[in-house]
């Protein structure tokens, strides 16, 4: 892990454009290749997601930003998710993304470690996330970080 990586809290004025662009790419890449999506509709939906889930609102979210070589390298967007079955509200990673040019430097692991420390300091003992089945690289990273499957979402083509 490079010493040139700095993790800090999100600053909306400074980070909004870069956050939205990286988050857009991440969410867009999360759609399986065999599922077509209208690009204009997806852009509208992404805009709605950012407005509805409000990464800039510290009452709802905490976003950590990674800088490397003085550039925006990635982020971890931490919010809350209500469990569908138990109704328990737990911390949830909405997006952990590192720009392609900065991958392989341990930045995702550093962001994740920062989130874990942040949550432990606040008395939390669990964290969740979702990863798409076709995103094998992310699934492998999360498995290395200690995540285990809790549910399996299934889909069938008719």
N, C-alpha and C. Protein backbone atom coordinates (compact mmCIF):
# COMPACT_ATOMS: atom_id res chain seq x y z
N UNK A 1 0.85 -1.19 0.00
CA UNK A 1 0.00 0.00 0.00
C UNK A 1 0.88 1.23 0.00
N UNK A 2 0.63 2.09 -0.95
CA UNK A 2 1.47 3.27 -1.08
C UNK A 2 1.25 4.28 0.02
N UNK A 3 2.36 4.91 0.41
CA UNK A 3 2.28 5.95 1.43
C UNK A 3 1.73 7.25 0.86
N UNK A 4 1.59 7.32 -0.46
CA UNK A 4 1.09 8.53 -1.08
C UNK A 4 -0.44 8.58 -1.09
N UNK A 5 -1.10 7.60 -0.46
CA UNK A 5 -2.56 7.56 -0.39
C UNK A 5 -3.02 8.27 0.88
N UNK A 6 -3.96 9.16 0.70
CA UNK A 6 -4.53 9.90 1.83
C UNK A 6 -6.03 9.65 1.84
N UNK A 7 -6.57 9.29 3.01
CA UNK A 7 -8.01 9.08 3.16
C UNK A 7 -8.56 10.26 3.97
N UNK A 8 -9.63 10.85 3.46
CA UNK A 8 -10.24 11.99 4.14
C UNK A 8 -11.75 11.93 3.96
N UNK A 9 -12.45 12.77 4.69
CA UNK A 9 -13.89 12.87 4.54
C UNK A 9 -14.25 13.62 3.26
N UNK A 10 -15.36 13.26 2.71
CA UNK A 10 -15.91 13.88 1.50
C UNK A 10 -16.21 15.35 1.75
N UNK A 11 -15.88 16.18 0.78
CA UNK A 11 -16.19 17.61 0.80
C UNK A 11 -17.04 17.87 -0.45
N UNK A 12 -18.32 18.16 -0.25
CA UNK A 12 -19.25 18.23 -1.37
C UNK A 12 -18.82 19.24 -2.44
N UNK A 13 -18.40 20.41 -2.05
CA UNK A 13 -17.99 21.42 -3.04
C UNK A 13 -16.79 20.96 -3.85
N UNK A 14 -15.88 20.31 -3.19
CA UNK A 14 -14.64 19.86 -3.83
C UNK A 14 -14.81 18.56 -4.61
N UNK A 15 -15.66 17.65 -4.09
CA UNK A 15 -15.69 16.28 -4.58
C UNK A 15 -16.92 15.88 -5.39
N UNK A 16 -17.97 16.68 -5.39
CA UNK A 16 -19.25 16.24 -5.96
C UNK A 16 -19.12 15.73 -7.39
N UNK A 17 -18.45 16.47 -8.24
CA UNK A 17 -18.35 16.09 -9.65
C UNK A 17 -17.58 14.78 -9.83
N UNK A 18 -16.44 14.65 -9.15
CA UNK A 18 -15.62 13.44 -9.28
C UNK A 18 -16.31 12.23 -8.64
N UNK A 19 -16.96 12.47 -7.50
CA UNK A 19 -17.71 11.40 -6.84
C UNK A 19 -18.80 10.87 -7.78
N UNK A 20 -19.60 11.79 -8.32
CA UNK A 20 -20.71 11.39 -9.19
C UNK A 20 -20.22 10.65 -10.42
N UNK A 21 -19.12 11.10 -11.01
CA UNK A 21 -18.60 10.45 -12.22
C UNK A 21 -18.13 9.03 -11.93
N UNK A 22 -17.39 8.84 -10.83
CA UNK A 22 -16.90 7.51 -10.50
C UNK A 22 -18.06 6.61 -10.07
N UNK A 23 -18.98 7.14 -9.29
CA UNK A 23 -20.15 6.39 -8.86
C UNK A 23 -20.98 5.97 -10.07
N UNK A 24 -21.14 6.86 -11.03
CA UNK A 24 -21.88 6.54 -12.25
C UNK A 24 -21.24 5.35 -12.98
N UNK A 25 -19.91 5.41 -13.16
CA UNK A 25 -19.21 4.31 -13.85
C UNK A 25 -19.39 3.00 -13.09
N UNK A 26 -19.28 3.06 -11.77
CA UNK A 26 -19.42 1.86 -10.95
C UNK A 26 -20.82 1.27 -11.09
N UNK A 27 -21.84 2.12 -10.96
CA UNK A 27 -23.20 1.62 -11.05
C UNK A 27 -23.51 1.13 -12.46
N UNK A 28 -23.01 1.83 -13.45
CA UNK A 28 -23.24 1.43 -14.85
C UNK A 28 -22.58 0.08 -15.11
N UNK A 29 -21.37 -0.11 -14.60
CA UNK A 29 -20.66 -1.37 -14.77
C UNK A 29 -21.29 -2.51 -13.98
N UNK A 30 -22.14 -2.18 -13.01
CA UNK A 30 -22.80 -3.20 -12.21
C UNK A 30 -23.94 -3.89 -12.93
N UNK A 31 -24.38 -3.31 -14.03
CA UNK A 31 -25.45 -3.93 -14.80
C UNK A 31 -24.84 -5.04 -15.65
N UNK A 32 -25.36 -6.25 -15.51
CA UNK A 32 -24.82 -7.36 -16.31
C UNK A 32 -24.87 -7.04 -17.81
N UNK A 33 -23.88 -7.51 -18.52
CA UNK A 33 -23.75 -7.23 -19.95
C UNK A 33 -24.96 -7.70 -20.75
N UNK A 34 -25.62 -8.76 -20.30
CA UNK A 34 -26.76 -9.29 -21.06
C UNK A 34 -28.08 -8.57 -20.76
N UNK A 35 -28.03 -7.53 -19.93
CA UNK A 35 -29.23 -6.76 -19.63
C UNK A 35 -29.06 -5.36 -20.22
N UNK A 36 -29.84 -5.08 -21.24
CA UNK A 36 -29.72 -3.77 -21.88
C UNK A 36 -30.46 -2.71 -21.06
N UNK A 37 -29.88 -1.53 -21.05
CA UNK A 37 -30.46 -0.41 -20.32
C UNK A 37 -30.38 0.82 -21.22
N UNK A 38 -31.47 1.54 -21.32
CA UNK A 38 -31.46 2.78 -22.07
C UNK A 38 -30.55 3.78 -21.35
N UNK A 39 -29.58 4.30 -22.06
CA UNK A 39 -28.58 5.18 -21.44
C UNK A 39 -29.20 6.44 -20.83
N UNK A 40 -30.14 7.06 -21.53
CA UNK A 40 -30.77 8.27 -20.98
C UNK A 40 -31.57 7.96 -19.72
N UNK A 41 -32.27 6.84 -19.72
CA UNK A 41 -33.03 6.43 -18.53
C UNK A 41 -32.08 6.14 -17.38
N UNK A 42 -30.96 5.48 -17.70
CA UNK A 42 -30.00 5.18 -16.64
C UNK A 42 -29.43 6.48 -16.05
N UNK A 43 -29.13 7.46 -16.88
CA UNK A 43 -28.62 8.74 -16.37
C UNK A 43 -29.64 9.41 -15.45
N UNK A 44 -30.92 9.38 -15.86
CA UNK A 44 -31.98 9.95 -15.00
C UNK A 44 -32.06 9.20 -13.68
N UNK A 45 -31.98 7.87 -13.77
CA UNK A 45 -32.05 7.06 -12.55
C UNK A 45 -30.85 7.35 -11.63
N UNK A 46 -29.67 7.47 -12.21
CA UNK A 46 -28.49 7.76 -11.39
C UNK A 46 -28.63 9.11 -10.71
N UNK A 47 -29.13 10.10 -11.42
CA UNK A 47 -29.36 11.42 -10.82
C UNK A 47 -30.33 11.30 -9.66
N UNK A 48 -31.38 10.52 -9.85
CA UNK A 48 -32.36 10.30 -8.77
C UNK A 48 -31.70 9.62 -7.58
N UNK A 49 -30.87 8.60 -7.82
CA UNK A 49 -30.18 7.90 -6.73
C UNK A 49 -29.35 8.88 -5.89
N UNK A 50 -28.59 9.73 -6.56
CA UNK A 50 -27.75 10.68 -5.84
C UNK A 50 -28.59 11.68 -5.04
N UNK A 51 -29.72 12.10 -5.59
CA UNK A 51 -30.59 13.02 -4.86
C UNK A 51 -31.27 12.31 -3.69
N UNK A 52 -31.79 11.12 -3.93
CA UNK A 52 -32.54 10.38 -2.92
C UNK A 52 -31.65 9.90 -1.77
N UNK A 53 -30.51 9.33 -2.10
CA UNK A 53 -29.63 8.77 -1.07
C UNK A 53 -28.61 9.77 -0.55
N UNK A 54 -28.50 10.91 -1.18
CA UNK A 54 -27.79 12.09 -0.70
C UNK A 54 -26.43 11.81 -0.05
N UNK A 55 -25.42 11.44 -0.85
CA UNK A 55 -24.11 11.19 -0.26
C UNK A 55 -23.54 12.41 0.45
N UNK A 56 -24.00 13.59 0.09
CA UNK A 56 -23.50 14.83 0.69
C UNK A 56 -24.15 15.14 2.04
N UNK A 57 -25.16 14.38 2.45
CA UNK A 57 -25.89 14.66 3.70
C UNK A 57 -25.30 13.84 4.84
N UNK A 58 -24.53 14.47 5.74
CA UNK A 58 -23.88 13.73 6.82
C UNK A 58 -24.85 13.14 7.85
N UNK A 59 -26.12 13.55 7.80
CA UNK A 59 -27.10 12.93 8.70
C UNK A 59 -27.46 11.53 8.22
N UNK A 60 -27.27 11.27 6.92
CA UNK A 60 -27.62 9.98 6.34
C UNK A 60 -26.42 9.14 5.96
N UNK A 61 -25.31 9.78 5.65
CA UNK A 61 -24.18 9.09 5.04
C UNK A 61 -22.84 9.62 5.55
N UNK A 62 -21.85 8.79 5.36
CA UNK A 62 -20.46 9.20 5.52
C UNK A 62 -19.74 8.72 4.27
N UNK A 63 -19.01 9.60 3.65
CA UNK A 63 -18.23 9.22 2.47
C UNK A 63 -16.76 9.53 2.77
N UNK A 64 -15.94 8.51 2.57
CA UNK A 64 -14.50 8.69 2.68
C UNK A 64 -13.93 8.73 1.28
N UNK A 65 -13.00 9.63 1.06
CA UNK A 65 -12.36 9.82 -0.24
C UNK A 65 -10.90 9.44 -0.12
N UNK A 66 -10.41 8.72 -1.13
CA UNK A 66 -8.99 8.40 -1.21
C UNK A 66 -8.36 9.30 -2.27
N UNK A 67 -7.27 9.92 -1.89
CA UNK A 67 -6.47 10.70 -2.84
C UNK A 67 -5.13 10.01 -3.01
N UNK A 68 -4.67 9.98 -4.22
CA UNK A 68 -3.37 9.38 -4.53
C UNK A 68 -2.68 10.30 -5.52
N UNK A 69 -1.46 10.63 -5.22
CA UNK A 69 -0.71 11.55 -6.09
C UNK A 69 -1.47 12.86 -6.27
N UNK A 70 -2.20 13.25 -5.23
CA UNK A 70 -2.96 14.49 -5.25
C UNK A 70 -4.23 14.45 -6.06
N UNK A 71 -4.62 13.26 -6.53
CA UNK A 71 -5.81 13.13 -7.37
C UNK A 71 -6.87 12.30 -6.67
N UNK A 72 -8.13 12.52 -7.05
CA UNK A 72 -9.26 11.74 -6.55
C UNK A 72 -9.11 10.32 -7.08
N UNK A 73 -8.84 9.38 -6.17
CA UNK A 73 -8.57 8.01 -6.59
C UNK A 73 -9.74 7.07 -6.33
N UNK A 74 -10.59 7.41 -5.38
CA UNK A 74 -11.70 6.53 -5.07
C UNK A 74 -12.47 7.03 -3.86
N UNK A 75 -13.50 6.26 -3.53
CA UNK A 75 -14.32 6.63 -2.38
C UNK A 75 -15.04 5.41 -1.82
N UNK A 76 -15.50 5.56 -0.59
CA UNK A 76 -16.37 4.57 0.02
C UNK A 76 -17.56 5.32 0.59
N UNK A 77 -18.73 5.04 0.05
CA UNK A 77 -19.99 5.70 0.42
C UNK A 77 -20.71 4.79 1.40
N UNK A 78 -20.79 5.24 2.62
CA UNK A 78 -21.39 4.47 3.71
C UNK A 78 -22.72 5.09 4.10
N UNK A 79 -23.77 4.30 4.06
CA UNK A 79 -25.09 4.75 4.48
C UNK A 79 -25.72 3.71 5.38
N UNK A 80 -27.04 3.59 5.32
CA UNK A 80 -27.76 2.62 6.14
C UNK A 80 -28.75 1.86 5.27
N UNK A 81 -28.96 0.62 5.63
CA UNK A 81 -29.91 -0.22 4.91
C UNK A 81 -30.80 -0.92 5.94
N UNK A 82 -32.08 -0.97 5.66
CA UNK A 82 -33.00 -1.69 6.52
C UNK A 82 -33.14 -3.11 6.00
N UNK A 83 -32.90 -4.09 6.87
CA UNK A 83 -33.01 -5.48 6.47
C UNK A 83 -34.46 -5.81 6.13
N UNK A 84 -34.67 -6.42 4.98
CA UNK A 84 -36.00 -6.73 4.47
C UNK A 84 -36.77 -7.65 5.42
N UNK A 85 -36.07 -8.57 6.09
CA UNK A 85 -36.74 -9.55 6.94
C UNK A 85 -36.81 -9.13 8.40
N UNK A 86 -35.69 -8.64 8.94
CA UNK A 86 -35.64 -8.35 10.38
C UNK A 86 -35.99 -6.91 10.72
N UNK A 87 -35.96 -6.02 9.71
CA UNK A 87 -36.19 -4.58 9.87
C UNK A 87 -35.06 -3.90 10.64
N UNK A 88 -33.97 -4.62 10.92
CA UNK A 88 -32.81 -4.03 11.58
C UNK A 88 -32.14 -3.06 10.60
N UNK A 89 -31.74 -1.91 11.10
CA UNK A 89 -31.04 -0.92 10.28
C UNK A 89 -29.55 -1.04 10.58
N UNK A 90 -28.78 -1.34 9.56
CA UNK A 90 -27.34 -1.54 9.71
C UNK A 90 -26.57 -0.64 8.76
N UNK A 91 -25.32 -0.34 9.11
CA UNK A 91 -24.46 0.37 8.17
C UNK A 91 -24.31 -0.45 6.90
N UNK A 92 -24.26 0.26 5.78
CA UNK A 92 -24.24 -0.41 4.49
C UNK A 92 -23.33 0.35 3.53
N UNK A 93 -22.47 -0.36 2.87
CA UNK A 93 -21.63 0.27 1.85
C UNK A 93 -22.44 0.33 0.56
N UNK A 94 -22.76 1.54 0.14
CA UNK A 94 -23.47 1.74 -1.12
C UNK A 94 -22.52 1.67 -2.30
N UNK A 95 -21.30 2.12 -2.10
CA UNK A 95 -20.35 2.14 -3.20
C UNK A 95 -18.93 2.20 -2.65
N UNK A 96 -18.12 1.26 -3.05
CA UNK A 96 -16.68 1.28 -2.78
C UNK A 96 -16.02 1.20 -4.14
N UNK A 97 -15.47 2.31 -4.59
CA UNK A 97 -14.93 2.39 -5.96
C UNK A 97 -13.54 3.01 -5.96
N UNK A 98 -12.71 2.46 -6.80
CA UNK A 98 -11.39 3.02 -7.06
C UNK A 98 -11.26 3.18 -8.57
N UNK A 99 -10.84 4.35 -8.99
CA UNK A 99 -10.65 4.61 -10.43
C UNK A 99 -9.64 3.61 -11.00
N UNK A 100 -9.88 3.19 -12.23
CA UNK A 100 -9.06 2.13 -12.85
C UNK A 100 -7.57 2.41 -12.78
N UNK A 101 -7.18 3.66 -12.99
CA UNK A 101 -5.74 3.97 -13.01
C UNK A 101 -5.08 3.85 -11.63
N UNK A 102 -5.89 3.71 -10.56
CA UNK A 102 -5.32 3.60 -9.22
C UNK A 102 -5.53 2.23 -8.59
N UNK A 103 -6.11 1.30 -9.33
CA UNK A 103 -6.37 -0.03 -8.78
C UNK A 103 -5.07 -0.81 -8.62
N UNK A 104 -5.12 -1.77 -7.69
CA UNK A 104 -3.95 -2.62 -7.44
C UNK A 104 -2.96 -2.01 -6.47
N UNK A 105 -3.33 -0.92 -5.83
CA UNK A 105 -2.43 -0.25 -4.89
C UNK A 105 -2.91 -0.37 -3.44
N UNK A 106 -3.96 -1.15 -3.21
CA UNK A 106 -4.47 -1.32 -1.85
C UNK A 106 -5.39 -0.21 -1.39
N UNK A 107 -5.83 0.62 -2.30
CA UNK A 107 -6.68 1.76 -1.93
C UNK A 107 -8.04 1.29 -1.42
N UNK A 108 -8.65 0.32 -2.08
CA UNK A 108 -9.95 -0.19 -1.62
C UNK A 108 -9.83 -0.76 -0.21
N UNK A 109 -8.76 -1.47 0.05
CA UNK A 109 -8.57 -2.04 1.40
C UNK A 109 -8.39 -0.93 2.44
N UNK A 110 -7.67 0.12 2.08
CA UNK A 110 -7.49 1.23 3.03
C UNK A 110 -8.79 1.95 3.28
N UNK A 111 -9.57 2.17 2.23
CA UNK A 111 -10.88 2.80 2.42
C UNK A 111 -11.75 1.93 3.33
N UNK A 112 -11.76 0.64 3.06
CA UNK A 112 -12.58 -0.28 3.85
C UNK A 112 -12.13 -0.30 5.31
N UNK A 113 -10.83 -0.33 5.53
CA UNK A 113 -10.31 -0.32 6.91
C UNK A 113 -10.74 0.96 7.63
N UNK A 114 -10.71 2.08 6.94
CA UNK A 114 -11.15 3.35 7.51
C UNK A 114 -12.62 3.29 7.91
N UNK A 115 -13.45 2.71 7.04
CA UNK A 115 -14.88 2.57 7.33
C UNK A 115 -15.08 1.67 8.55
N UNK A 116 -14.37 0.55 8.61
CA UNK A 116 -14.52 -0.35 9.76
C UNK A 116 -14.15 0.35 11.07
N UNK A 117 -13.04 1.08 11.08
CA UNK A 117 -12.65 1.80 12.29
C UNK A 117 -13.69 2.84 12.67
N UNK A 118 -14.19 3.56 11.69
CA UNK A 118 -15.22 4.57 11.89
C UNK A 118 -16.46 3.94 12.55
N UNK A 119 -16.88 2.79 12.05
CA UNK A 119 -18.07 2.13 12.58
C UNK A 119 -17.84 1.56 13.98
N UNK A 120 -16.69 0.94 14.19
CA UNK A 120 -16.39 0.39 15.53
C UNK A 120 -16.38 1.50 16.58
N UNK A 121 -15.80 2.65 16.22
CA UNK A 121 -15.77 3.78 17.16
C UNK A 121 -17.18 4.25 17.52
N UNK A 122 -18.14 3.97 16.68
CA UNK A 122 -19.52 4.38 16.91
C UNK A 122 -20.38 3.25 17.45
N UNK A 123 -19.74 2.14 17.83
CA UNK A 123 -20.44 1.04 18.48
C UNK A 123 -21.11 0.03 17.56
N UNK A 124 -20.84 0.08 16.28
CA UNK A 124 -21.45 -0.88 15.36
C UNK A 124 -20.65 -2.18 15.35
N UNK A 125 -21.35 -3.29 15.09
CA UNK A 125 -20.67 -4.59 15.07
C UNK A 125 -20.92 -5.36 13.77
N UNK A 126 -21.54 -4.69 12.79
CA UNK A 126 -21.83 -5.36 11.52
C UNK A 126 -21.84 -4.31 10.41
N UNK A 127 -21.54 -4.76 9.21
CA UNK A 127 -21.61 -3.90 8.03
C UNK A 127 -22.04 -4.79 6.86
N UNK A 128 -22.81 -4.22 5.95
CA UNK A 128 -23.26 -4.99 4.80
C UNK A 128 -22.95 -4.30 3.49
N UNK A 129 -23.11 -5.04 2.43
CA UNK A 129 -22.96 -4.51 1.07
C UNK A 129 -23.57 -5.50 0.11
N UNK A 130 -23.70 -5.09 -1.13
CA UNK A 130 -24.18 -5.97 -2.19
C UNK A 130 -23.17 -5.92 -3.32
N UNK A 131 -22.91 -7.06 -3.92
CA UNK A 131 -22.04 -7.12 -5.09
C UNK A 131 -22.75 -7.95 -6.15
N UNK A 132 -22.68 -7.49 -7.37
CA UNK A 132 -23.32 -8.21 -8.47
C UNK A 132 -22.54 -9.49 -8.77
N UNK A 133 -23.28 -10.54 -9.12
CA UNK A 133 -22.68 -11.86 -9.32
C UNK A 133 -21.60 -11.87 -10.39
N UNK A 134 -21.74 -11.05 -11.42
CA UNK A 134 -20.76 -11.05 -12.51
C UNK A 134 -19.50 -10.25 -12.17
N UNK A 135 -19.51 -9.53 -11.06
CA UNK A 135 -18.36 -8.71 -10.68
C UNK A 135 -17.42 -9.54 -9.80
N UNK A 136 -16.74 -10.47 -10.43
CA UNK A 136 -15.90 -11.42 -9.70
C UNK A 136 -14.76 -10.76 -8.95
N UNK A 137 -14.16 -9.72 -9.53
CA UNK A 137 -13.05 -9.04 -8.85
C UNK A 137 -13.50 -8.44 -7.53
N UNK A 138 -14.63 -7.76 -7.54
CA UNK A 138 -15.14 -7.16 -6.30
C UNK A 138 -15.53 -8.25 -5.31
N UNK A 139 -16.18 -9.31 -5.79
CA UNK A 139 -16.58 -10.40 -4.90
C UNK A 139 -15.36 -11.01 -4.21
N UNK A 140 -14.29 -11.19 -4.96
CA UNK A 140 -13.06 -11.75 -4.37
C UNK A 140 -12.47 -10.81 -3.33
N UNK A 141 -12.48 -9.50 -3.63
CA UNK A 141 -11.98 -8.53 -2.65
C UNK A 141 -12.80 -8.60 -1.37
N UNK A 142 -14.11 -8.59 -1.50
CA UNK A 142 -14.98 -8.60 -0.31
C UNK A 142 -14.81 -9.89 0.49
N UNK A 143 -14.60 -11.00 -0.20
CA UNK A 143 -14.37 -12.26 0.50
C UNK A 143 -13.07 -12.17 1.30
N UNK A 144 -12.02 -11.58 0.72
CA UNK A 144 -10.75 -11.40 1.43
C UNK A 144 -10.92 -10.49 2.64
N UNK A 145 -11.86 -9.55 2.53
CA UNK A 145 -12.10 -8.62 3.64
C UNK A 145 -13.01 -9.22 4.71
N UNK A 146 -13.46 -10.46 4.51
CA UNK A 146 -14.23 -11.16 5.54
C UNK A 146 -15.73 -11.24 5.31
N UNK A 147 -16.21 -10.77 4.19
CA UNK A 147 -17.65 -10.85 3.90
C UNK A 147 -18.02 -12.27 3.49
N UNK A 148 -19.21 -12.68 3.91
CA UNK A 148 -19.75 -13.98 3.54
C UNK A 148 -21.17 -13.78 3.01
N UNK A 149 -21.58 -14.60 2.05
CA UNK A 149 -22.94 -14.46 1.52
C UNK A 149 -23.99 -14.62 2.62
N UNK A 150 -25.01 -13.79 2.54
CA UNK A 150 -26.13 -13.88 3.50
C UNK A 150 -27.41 -14.21 2.76
N UNK A 151 -27.51 -13.78 1.53
CA UNK A 151 -28.68 -14.05 0.70
C UNK A 151 -28.21 -14.19 -0.74
N UNK A 152 -29.00 -14.84 -1.52
CA UNK A 152 -28.69 -14.96 -2.93
C UNK A 152 -29.91 -14.47 -3.70
N UNK A 153 -29.69 -13.51 -4.55
CA UNK A 153 -30.74 -12.96 -5.39
C UNK A 153 -30.71 -13.70 -6.72
N UNK A 154 -31.85 -14.19 -7.16
CA UNK A 154 -31.90 -14.97 -8.38
C UNK A 154 -32.77 -14.30 -9.43
N UNK A 155 -32.45 -14.55 -10.69
CA UNK A 155 -33.21 -14.02 -11.80
C UNK A 155 -33.24 -15.07 -12.89
N UNK A 156 -34.36 -15.12 -13.64
CA UNK A 156 -34.49 -16.09 -14.72
C UNK A 156 -35.02 -15.38 -15.96
N UNK A 157 -34.42 -15.68 -17.09
CA UNK A 157 -34.92 -15.16 -18.35
C UNK A 157 -36.10 -16.00 -18.80
N UNK A 158 -37.14 -15.37 -19.27
CA UNK A 158 -38.33 -16.07 -19.78
C UNK A 158 -38.35 -16.10 -21.29
